[in-house]
Amino acid sequence: MSTLVDVLGWAGAASLLLAYGLTSAGRLPPEGARFQMLNLFGAIALTVNSAYHGAWPSAALNIVWIGIGVAALRRGRRGRRRSQADGNATGAG
């Protein structure tokens, strides 16, 4: 079990670094769902790893990070729905 949790933690760290690196390089828009999903996966994986190892400050930080990611995904989904509805109302699309 410990090895699985460690692999999950490393995968989560890689996911967060990938999201940050691609966004910083201008290759991934920060408002996009891919960026948010990479961050969300990373935060979930690191929360599991941190909690398993008793690193509660890190686990708490990542729980907040998860909340931010979920809120951003919801906000993005609502914005896309509004855009589609506006496009349908005007006959575009």
PDB file of N, CA and C in Angstrom:
ATOM      1  N   MET A   1       0.826  -1.202   0.000  1.00  0.00           N
ATOM      2  CA  MET A   1       0.000   0.000   0.000  1.00  0.00           C
ATOM      3  C   MET A   1       0.868   1.263   0.000  1.00  0.00           C
ATOM      4  N   SER A   2       1.940   1.251   0.765  1.00  0.00           N
ATOM      5  CA  SER A   2       2.810   2.407   0.862  1.00  0.00           C
ATOM      6  C   SER A   2       3.420   2.765  -0.493  1.00  0.00           C
ATOM      7  N   THR A   3       3.818   1.769  -1.249  1.00  0.00           N
ATOM      8  CA  THR A   3       4.400   2.030  -2.567  1.00  0.00           C
ATOM      9  C   THR A   3       3.379   2.664  -3.497  1.00  0.00           C
ATOM     10  N   LEU A   4       2.152   2.176  -3.457  1.00  0.00           N
ATOM     11  CA  LEU A   4       1.086   2.744  -4.286  1.00  0.00           C
ATOM     12  C   LEU A   4       0.837   4.205  -3.925  1.00  0.00           C
ATOM     13  N   VAL A   5       0.802   4.504  -2.642  1.00  0.00           N
ATOM     14  CA  VAL A   5       0.574   5.879  -2.186  1.00  0.00           C
ATOM     15  C   VAL A   5       1.745   6.768  -2.593  1.00  0.00           C
ATOM     16  N   ASP A   6       2.956   6.237  -2.528  1.00  0.00           N
ATOM     17  CA  ASP A   6       4.124   7.007  -2.950  1.00  0.00           C
ATOM     18  C   ASP A   6       4.096   7.283  -4.454  1.00  0.00           C
ATOM     19  N   VAL A   7       3.737   6.289  -5.244  1.00  0.00           N
ATOM     20  CA  VAL A   7       3.623   6.485  -6.693  1.00  0.00           C
ATOM     21  C   VAL A   7       2.540   7.525  -6.985  1.00  0.00           C
ATOM     22  N   LEU A   8       1.420   7.435  -6.293  1.00  0.00           N
ATOM     23  CA  LEU A   8       0.344   8.398  -6.460  1.00  0.00           C
ATOM     24  C   LEU A   8       0.827   9.812  -6.120  1.00  0.00           C
ATOM     25  N   GLY A   9       1.585   9.932  -5.061  1.00  0.00           N
ATOM     26  CA  GLY A   9       2.128  11.236  -4.672  1.00  0.00           C
ATOM     27  C   GLY A   9       3.065  11.811  -5.726  1.00  0.00           C
ATOM     28  N   TRP A  10       3.939  10.977  -6.263  1.00  0.00           N
ATOM     29  CA  TRP A  10       4.846  11.435  -7.324  1.00  0.00           C
ATOM     30  C   TRP A  10       4.079  11.817  -8.582  1.00  0.00           C
ATOM     31  N   ALA A  11       3.046  11.048  -8.917  1.00  0.00           N
ATOM     32  CA  ALA A  11       2.224  11.365 -10.088  1.00  0.00           C
ATOM     33  C   ALA A  11       1.496  12.699  -9.883  1.00  0.00           C
ATOM     34  N   GLY A  12       1.024  12.921  -8.679  1.00  0.00           N
ATOM     35  CA  GLY A  12       0.362  14.188  -8.371  1.00  0.00           C
ATOM     36  C   GLY A  12       1.316  15.370  -8.473  1.00  0.00           C
ATOM     37  N   ALA A  13       2.521  15.196  -7.938  1.00  0.00           N
ATOM     38  CA  ALA A  13       3.521  16.262  -8.030  1.00  0.00           C
ATOM     39  C   ALA A  13       3.862  16.544  -9.489  1.00  0.00           C
ATOM     40  N   ALA A  14       4.017  15.499 -10.280  1.00  0.00           N
ATOM     41  CA  ALA A  14       4.321  15.664 -11.707  1.00  0.00           C
ATOM     42  C   ALA A  14       3.182  16.385 -12.420  1.00  0.00           C
ATOM     43  N   SER A  15       1.947  16.065 -12.067  1.00  0.00           N
ATOM     44  CA  SER A  15       0.783  16.697 -12.686  1.00  0.00           C
ATOM     45  C   SER A  15       0.752  18.200 -12.391  1.00  0.00           C
ATOM     46  N   LEU A  16       1.005  18.568 -11.147  1.00  0.00           N
ATOM     47  CA  LEU A  16       1.026  19.981 -10.782  1.00  0.00           C
ATOM     48  C   LEU A  16       2.159  20.715 -11.494  1.00  0.00           C
ATOM     49  N   LEU A  17       3.327  20.099 -11.536  1.00  0.00           N
ATOM     50  CA  LEU A  17       4.463  20.730 -12.204  1.00  0.00           C
ATOM     51  C   LEU A  17       4.230  20.856 -13.711  1.00  0.00           C
ATOM     52  N   LEU A  18       3.610  19.843 -14.305  1.00  0.00           N
ATOM     53  CA  LEU A  18       3.295  19.878 -15.727  1.00  0.00           C
ATOM     54  C   LEU A  18       2.324  21.023 -16.030  1.00  0.00           C
ATOM     55  N   ALA A  19       1.279  21.147 -15.224  1.00  0.00           N
ATOM     56  CA  ALA A  19       0.308  22.231 -15.415  1.00  0.00           C
ATOM     57  C   ALA A  19       0.989  23.590 -15.296  1.00  0.00           C
ATOM     58  N   TYR A  20       1.808  23.747 -14.284  1.00  0.00           N
ATOM     59  CA  TYR A  20       2.488  25.026 -14.065  1.00  0.00           C
ATOM     60  C   TYR A  20       3.480  25.314 -15.188  1.00  0.00           C
ATOM     61  N   GLY A  21       4.258  24.316 -15.556  1.00  0.00           N
ATOM     62  CA  GLY A  21       5.255  24.510 -16.604  1.00  0.00           C
ATOM     63  C   GLY A  21       4.636  24.840 -17.949  1.00  0.00           C
ATOM     64  N   LEU A  22       3.606  24.091 -18.345  1.00  0.00           N
ATOM     65  CA  LEU A  22       2.956  24.345 -19.631  1.00  0.00           C
ATOM     66  C   LEU A  22       2.271  25.705 -19.664  1.00  0.00           C
ATOM     67  N   THR A  23       1.680  26.089 -18.551  1.00  0.00           N
ATOM     68  CA  THR A  23       1.026  27.396 -18.488  1.00  0.00           C
ATOM     69  C   THR A  23       2.058  28.515 -18.512  1.00  0.00           C
ATOM     70  N   SER A  24       3.130  28.352 -17.777  1.00  0.00           N
ATOM     71  CA  SER A  24       4.186  29.363 -17.756  1.00  0.00           C
ATOM     72  C   SER A  24       4.844  29.519 -19.120  1.00  0.00           C
ATOM     73  N   ALA A  25       4.906  28.430 -19.878  1.00  0.00           N
ATOM     74  CA  ALA A  25       5.504  28.467 -21.214  1.00  0.00           C
ATOM     75  C   ALA A  25       4.515  28.960 -22.268  1.00  0.00           C
ATOM     76  N   GLY A  26       3.283  29.233 -21.872  1.00  0.00           N
ATOM     77  CA  GLY A  26       2.279  29.716 -22.798  1.00  0.00           C
ATOM     78  C   GLY A  26       1.682  28.625 -23.680  1.00  0.00           C
ATOM     79  N   ARG A  27       1.843  27.365 -23.277  1.00  0.00           N
ATOM     80  CA  ARG A  27       1.349  26.255 -24.085  1.00  0.00           C
ATOM     81  C   ARG A  27       0.022  25.695 -23.592  1.00  0.00           C
ATOM     82  N   LEU A  28      -0.413  26.169 -22.431  1.00  0.00           N
ATOM     83  CA  LEU A  28      -1.669  25.699 -21.847  1.00  0.00           C
ATOM     84  C   LEU A  28      -2.354  26.888 -21.187  1.00  0.00           C
ATOM     85  N   PRO A  29      -3.553  27.262 -21.661  1.00  0.00           N
ATOM     86  CA  PRO A  29      -4.212  28.433 -21.074  1.00  0.00           C
ATOM     87  C   PRO A  29      -4.682  28.151 -19.647  1.00  0.00           C
ATOM     88  N   PRO A  30      -4.418  29.062 -18.722  1.00  0.00           N
ATOM     89  CA  PRO A  30      -4.790  28.827 -17.320  1.00  0.00           C
ATOM     90  C   PRO A  30      -6.289  28.793 -17.082  1.00  0.00           C
ATOM     91  N   GLU A  31      -7.068  29.344 -17.996  1.00  0.00           N
ATOM     92  CA  GLU A  31      -8.519  29.316 -17.820  1.00  0.00           C
ATOM     93  C   GLU A  31      -9.137  28.051 -18.405  1.00  0.00           C
ATOM     94  N   GLY A  32      -8.326  27.192 -18.996  1.00  0.00           N
ATOM     95  CA  GLY A  32      -8.843  25.996 -19.647  1.00  0.00           C
ATOM     96  C   GLY A  32      -9.086  24.828 -18.702  1.00  0.00           C
ATOM     97  N   ALA A  33      -9.940  23.927 -19.147  1.00  0.00           N
ATOM     98  CA  ALA A  33     -10.288  22.751 -18.350  1.00  0.00           C
ATOM     99  C   ALA A  33      -9.093  21.813 -18.170  1.00  0.00           C
ATOM    100  N   ARG A  34      -8.228  21.702 -19.171  1.00  0.00           N
ATOM    101  CA  ARG A  34      -7.052  20.810 -19.040  1.00  0.00           C
ATOM    102  C   ARG A  34      -6.155  21.249 -17.895  1.00  0.00           C
ATOM    103  N   PHE A  35      -5.905  22.552 -17.820  1.00  0.00           N
ATOM    104  CA  PHE A  35      -5.084  23.087 -16.729  1.00  0.00           C
ATOM    105  C   PHE A  35      -5.720  22.765 -15.382  1.00  0.00           C
ATOM    106  N   GLN A  36      -7.022  23.009 -15.289  1.00  0.00           N
ATOM    107  CA  GLN A  36      -7.724  22.761 -14.028  1.00  0.00           C
ATOM    108  C   GLN A  36      -7.739  21.275 -13.678  1.00  0.00           C
ATOM    109  N   MET A  37      -7.905  20.404 -14.673  1.00  0.00           N
ATOM    110  CA  MET A  37      -7.927  18.966 -14.409  1.00  0.00           C
ATOM    111  C   MET A  37      -6.556  18.459 -13.959  1.00  0.00           C
ATOM    112  N   LEU A  38      -5.483  18.964 -14.563  1.00  0.00           N
ATOM    113  CA  LEU A  38      -4.136  18.593 -14.116  1.00  0.00           C
ATOM    114  C   LEU A  38      -3.931  19.015 -12.667  1.00  0.00           C
ATOM    115  N   ASN A  39      -4.352  20.234 -12.341  1.00  0.00           N
ATOM    116  CA  ASN A  39      -4.235  20.712 -10.965  1.00  0.00           C
ATOM    117  C   ASN A  39      -5.092  19.898 -10.014  1.00  0.00           C
ATOM    118  N   LEU A  40      -6.304  19.587 -10.431  1.00  0.00           N
ATOM    119  CA  LEU A  40      -7.219  18.827  -9.577  1.00  0.00           C
ATOM    120  C   LEU A  40      -6.683  17.430  -9.300  1.00  0.00           C
ATOM    121  N   PHE A  41      -6.231  16.733 -10.344  1.00  0.00           N
ATOM    122  CA  PHE A  41      -5.648  15.406 -10.141  1.00  0.00           C
ATOM    123  C   PHE A  41      -4.442  15.493  -9.212  1.00  0.00           C
ATOM    124  N   GLY A  42      -3.567  16.457  -9.465  1.00  0.00           N
ATOM    125  CA  GLY A  42      -2.377  16.610  -8.630  1.00  0.00           C
ATOM    126  C   GLY A  42      -2.716  16.850  -7.175  1.00  0.00           C
ATOM    127  N   ALA A  43      -3.686  17.711  -6.923  1.00  0.00           N
ATOM    128  CA  ALA A  43      -4.071  18.019  -5.543  1.00  0.00           C
ATOM    129  C   ALA A  43      -4.703  16.815  -4.859  1.00  0.00           C
ATOM    130  N   ILE A  44      -5.543  16.069  -5.575  1.00  0.00           N
ATOM    131  CA  ILE A  44      -6.156  14.871  -4.984  1.00  0.00           C
ATOM    132  C   ILE A  44      -5.081  13.840  -4.649  1.00  0.00           C
ATOM    133  N   ALA A  45      -4.185  13.607  -5.599  1.00  0.00           N
ATOM    134  CA  ALA A  45      -3.126  12.620  -5.379  1.00  0.00           C
ATOM    135  C   ALA A  45      -2.230  13.021  -4.206  1.00  0.00           C
ATOM    136  N   LEU A  46      -1.867  14.286  -4.137  1.00  0.00           N
ATOM    137  CA  LEU A  46      -1.007  14.736  -3.038  1.00  0.00           C
ATOM    138  C   LEU A  46      -1.743  14.767  -1.703  1.00  0.00           C
ATOM    139  N   THR A  47      -3.050  14.985  -1.732  1.00  0.00           N
ATOM    140  CA  THR A  47      -3.833  14.920  -0.492  1.00  0.00           C
ATOM    141  C   THR A  47      -3.790  13.508   0.073  1.00  0.00           C
ATOM    142  N   VAL A  48      -4.003  12.525  -0.784  1.00  0.00           N
ATOM    143  CA  VAL A  48      -3.961  11.121  -0.351  1.00  0.00           C
ATOM    144  C   VAL A  48      -2.581  10.799   0.209  1.00  0.00           C
ATOM    145  N   ASN A  49      -1.543  11.178  -0.522  1.00  0.00           N
ATOM    146  CA  ASN A  49      -0.180  10.894  -0.088  1.00  0.00           C
ATOM    147  C   ASN A  49       0.144  11.588   1.233  1.00  0.00           C
ATOM    148  N   SER A  50      -0.216  12.869   1.330  1.00  0.00           N
ATOM    149  CA  SER A  50       0.087  13.626   2.549  1.00  0.00           C
ATOM    150  C   SER A  50      -0.661  13.077   3.757  1.00  0.00           C
ATOM    151  N   ALA A  51      -1.930  12.760   3.576  1.00  0.00           N
ATOM    152  CA  ALA A  51      -2.710  12.216   4.686  1.00  0.00           C
ATOM    153  C   ALA A  51      -2.163  10.862   5.124  1.00  0.00           C
ATOM    154  N   TYR A  52      -1.811  10.023   4.170  1.00  0.00           N
ATOM    155  CA  TYR A  52      -1.266   8.699   4.489  1.00  0.00           C
ATOM    156  C   TYR A  52       0.002   8.815   5.335  1.00  0.00           C
ATOM    157  N   HIS A  53       0.826   9.800   5.007  1.00  0.00           N
ATOM    158  CA  HIS A  53       2.095   9.988   5.723  1.00  0.00           C
ATOM    159  C   HIS A  53       1.963  10.926   6.918  1.00  0.00           C
ATOM    160  N   GLY A  54       0.747  11.390   7.207  1.00  0.00           N
ATOM    161  CA  GLY A  54       0.529  12.243   8.372  1.00  0.00           C
ATOM    162  C   GLY A  54       1.031  13.663   8.202  1.00  0.00           C
ATOM    163  N   ALA A  55       1.206  14.104   6.974  1.00  0.00           N
ATOM    164  CA  ALA A  55       1.657  15.474   6.701  1.00  0.00           C
ATOM    165  C   ALA A  55       0.413  16.349   6.566  1.00  0.00           C
ATOM    166  N   TRP A  56      -0.203  16.656   7.700  1.00  0.00           N
ATOM    167  CA  TRP A  56      -1.501  17.323   7.712  1.00  0.00           C
ATOM    168  C   TRP A  56      -1.499  18.734   7.158  1.00  0.00           C
ATOM    169  N   PRO A  57      -0.462  19.552   7.377  1.00  0.00           N
ATOM    170  CA  PRO A  57      -0.471  20.881   6.739  1.00  0.00           C
ATOM    171  C   PRO A  57      -0.518  20.776   5.202  1.00  0.00           C
ATOM    172  N   SER A  58       0.237  19.859   4.647  1.00  0.00           N
ATOM    173  CA  SER A  58       0.223  19.658   3.200  1.00  0.00           C
ATOM    174  C   SER A  58      -1.125  19.115   2.732  1.00  0.00           C
ATOM    175  N   ALA A  59      -1.699  18.193   3.480  1.00  0.00           N
ATOM    176  CA  ALA A  59      -3.019  17.649   3.131  1.00  0.00           C
ATOM    177  C   ALA A  59      -4.063  18.765   3.147  1.00  0.00           C
ATOM    178  N   ALA A  60      -4.017  19.630   4.160  1.00  0.00           N
ATOM    179  CA  ALA A  60      -4.981  20.734   4.253  1.00  0.00           C
ATOM    180  C   ALA A  60      -4.812  21.695   3.075  1.00  0.00           C
ATOM    181  N   LEU A  61      -3.585  22.024   2.740  1.00  0.00           N
ATOM    182  CA  LEU A  61      -3.319  22.900   1.602  1.00  0.00           C
ATOM    183  C   LEU A  61      -3.915  22.313   0.327  1.00  0.00           C
ATOM    184  N   ASN A  62      -3.722  21.033   0.119  1.00  0.00           N
ATOM    185  CA  ASN A  62      -4.217  20.398  -1.095  1.00  0.00           C
ATOM    186  C   ASN A  62      -5.739  20.264  -1.108  1.00  0.00           C
ATOM    187  N   ILE A  63      -6.353  20.156   0.051  1.00  0.00           N
ATOM    188  CA  ILE A  63      -7.822  20.155   0.099  1.00  0.00           C
ATOM    189  C   ILE A  63      -8.348  21.512  -0.367  1.00  0.00           C
ATOM    190  N   VAL A  64      -7.701  22.590   0.060  1.00  0.00           N
ATOM    191  CA  VAL A  64      -8.081  23.923  -0.413  1.00  0.00           C
ATOM    192  C   VAL A  64      -7.858  24.015  -1.921  1.00  0.00           C
ATOM    193  N   TRP A  65      -6.729  23.479  -2.400  1.00  0.00           N
ATOM    194  CA  TRP A  65      -6.405  23.480  -3.828  1.00  0.00           C
ATOM    195  C   TRP A  65      -7.498  22.739  -4.619  1.00  0.00           C
ATOM    196  N   ILE A  66      -7.980  21.634  -4.075  1.00  0.00           N
ATOM    197  CA  ILE A  66      -9.073  20.883  -4.712  1.00  0.00           C
ATOM    198  C   ILE A  66     -10.316  21.760  -4.817  1.00  0.00           C
ATOM    199  N   GLY A  67     -10.652  22.454  -3.737  1.00  0.00           N
ATOM    200  CA  GLY A  67     -11.819  23.332  -3.746  1.00  0.00           C
ATOM    201  C   GLY A  67     -11.704  24.423  -4.804  1.00  0.00           C
ATOM    202  N   ILE A  68     -10.522  24.996  -4.940  1.00  0.00           N
ATOM    203  CA  ILE A  68     -10.297  26.027  -5.953  1.00  0.00           C
ATOM    204  C   ILE A  68     -10.463  25.425  -7.349  1.00  0.00           C
ATOM    205  N   GLY A  69      -9.918  24.245  -7.559  1.00  0.00           N
ATOM    206  CA  GLY A  69     -10.023  23.588  -8.866  1.00  0.00           C
ATOM    207  C   GLY A  69     -11.456  23.247  -9.235  1.00  0.00           C
ATOM    208  N   VAL A  70     -12.206  22.727  -8.282  1.00  0.00           N
ATOM    209  CA  VAL A  70     -13.615  22.385  -8.533  1.00  0.00           C
ATOM    210  C   VAL A  70     -14.408  23.657  -8.854  1.00  0.00           C
ATOM    211  N   ALA A  71     -14.165  24.716  -8.090  1.00  0.00           N
ATOM    212  CA  ALA A  71     -14.871  25.980  -8.338  1.00  0.00           C
ATOM    213  C   ALA A  71     -14.526  26.530  -9.722  1.00  0.00           C
ATOM    214  N   ALA A  72     -13.266  26.445 -10.118  1.00  0.00           N
ATOM    215  CA  ALA A  72     -12.861  26.946 -11.435  1.00  0.00           C
ATOM    216  C   ALA A  72     -13.500  26.128 -12.555  1.00  0.00           C
ATOM    217  N   LEU A  73     -13.561  24.812 -12.387  1.00  0.00           N
ATOM    218  CA  LEU A  73     -14.203  23.971 -13.399  1.00  0.00           C
ATOM    219  C   LEU A  73     -15.685  24.287 -13.519  1.00  0.00           C
ATOM    220  N   ARG A  74     -16.353  24.481 -12.400  1.00  0.00           N
ATOM    221  CA  ARG A  74     -17.784  24.834 -12.427  1.00  0.00           C
ATOM    222  C   ARG A  74     -18.002  26.182 -13.100  1.00  0.00           C
ATOM    223  N   ARG A  75     -17.158  27.138 -12.748  1.00  0.00           N
ATOM    224  CA  ARG A  75     -17.261  28.471 -13.334  1.00  0.00           C
ATOM    225  C   ARG A  75     -17.040  28.401 -14.847  1.00  0.00           C
ATOM    226  N   GLY A  76     -16.074  27.621 -15.275  1.00  0.00           N
ATOM    227  CA  GLY A  76     -15.815  27.458 -16.698  1.00  0.00           C
ATOM    228  C   GLY A  76     -16.962  26.782 -17.412  1.00  0.00           C
ATOM    229  N   ARG A  77     -17.549  25.781 -16.787  1.00  0.00           N
ATOM    230  CA  ARG A  77     -18.679  25.070 -17.381  1.00  0.00           C
ATOM    231  C   ARG A  77     -19.881  26.004 -17.527  1.00  0.00           C
ATOM    232  N   ARG A  78     -20.136  26.804 -16.477  1.00  0.00           N
ATOM    233  CA  ARG A  78     -21.252  27.760 -16.547  1.00  0.00           C
ATOM    234  C   ARG A  78     -21.018  28.788 -17.646  1.00  0.00           C
ATOM    235  N   GLY A  79     -19.781  29.246 -17.780  1.00  0.00           N
ATOM    236  CA  GLY A  79     -19.457  30.228 -18.818  1.00  0.00           C
ATOM    237  C   GLY A  79     -19.662  29.659 -20.212  1.00  0.00           C
ATOM    238  N   ARG A  80     -19.270  28.397 -20.410  1.00  0.00           N
ATOM    239  CA  ARG A  80     -19.471  27.754 -21.715  1.00  0.00           C
ATOM    240  C   ARG A  80     -20.957  27.581 -22.005  1.00  0.00           C
ATOM    241  N   ARG A  81     -21.731  27.209 -20.991  1.00  0.00           N
ATOM    242  CA  ARG A  81     -23.183  27.055 -21.189  1.00  0.00           C
ATOM    243  C   ARG A  81     -23.826  28.378 -21.573  1.00  0.00           C
ATOM    244  N   ARG A  82     -23.405  29.455 -20.874  1.00  0.00           N
ATOM    245  CA  ARG A  82     -23.960  30.774 -21.197  1.00  0.00           C
ATOM    246  C   ARG A  82     -23.609  31.175 -22.622  1.00  0.00           C
ATOM    247  N   SER A  83     -22.366  30.930 -23.026  1.00  0.00           N
ATOM    248  CA  SER A  83     -21.936  31.272 -24.379  1.00  0.00           C
ATOM    249  C   SER A  83     -22.745  30.502 -25.412  1.00  0.00           C
ATOM    250  N   GLN A  84     -22.981  29.232 -25.143  1.00  0.00           N
ATOM    251  CA  GLN A  84     -23.772  28.408 -26.067  1.00  0.00           C
ATOM    252  C   GLN A  84     -25.205  28.919 -26.111  1.00  0.00           C
ATOM    253  N   ALA A  85     -25.758  29.246 -24.964  1.00  0.00           N
ATOM    254  CA  ALA A  85     -27.134  29.744 -24.919  1.00  0.00           C
ATOM    255  C   ALA A  85     -27.239  31.078 -25.639  1.00  0.00           C
ATOM    256  N   ASP A  86     -26.257  31.941 -25.456  1.00  0.00           N
ATOM    257  CA  ASP A  86     -26.260  33.233 -26.147  1.00  0.00           C
ATOM    258  C   ASP A  86     -26.151  33.021 -27.657  1.00  0.00           C
ATOM    259  N   GLY A  87     -25.331  32.080 -28.054  1.00  0.00           N
ATOM    260  CA  GLY A  87     -25.174  31.786 -29.478  1.00  0.00           C
ATOM    261  C   GLY A  87     -26.441  31.218 -30.075  1.00  0.00           C
ATOM    262  N   ASN A  88     -27.113  30.363 -29.343  1.00  0.00           N
ATOM    263  CA  ASN A  88     -28.375  29.795 -29.826  1.00  0.00           C
ATOM    264  C   ASN A  88     -29.480  30.844 -29.878  1.00  0.00           C
ATOM    265  N   ALA A  89     -29.473  31.770 -28.933  1.00  0.00           N
ATOM    266  CA  ALA A  89     -30.509  32.799 -28.884  1.00  0.00           C
ATOM    267  C   ALA A  89     -30.379  33.780 -30.056  1.00  0.00           C
ATOM    268  N   THR A  90     -29.134  33.988 -30.522  1.00  0.00           N
ATOM    269  CA  THR A  90     -28.918  34.923 -31.611  1.00  0.00           C
ATOM    270  C   THR A  90     -28.925  34.241 -32.963  1.00  0.00           C
ATOM    271  N   GLY A  91     -29.079  32.914 -32.952  1.00  0.00           N
ATOM    272  CA  GLY A  91     -29.113  32.177 -34.198  1.00  0.00           C
ATOM    273  C   GLY A  91     -27.749  31.758 -34.687  1.00  0.00           C
ATOM    274  N   ALA A  92     -26.707  32.054 -33.912  1.00  0.00           N
ATOM    275  CA  ALA A  92     -25.343  31.645 -34.289  1.00  0.00           C
ATOM    276  C   ALA A  92     -25.088  30.246 -33.797  1.00  0.00           C
ATOM    277  N   GLY A  93     -24.074  29.627 -34.346  1.00  0.00           N
ATOM    278  CA  GLY A  93     -23.589  28.419 -33.768  1.00  0.00           C
ATOM    279  C   GLY A  93     -23.991  27.166 -34.278  1.00  0.00           C
TER     280      GLY A  93
END
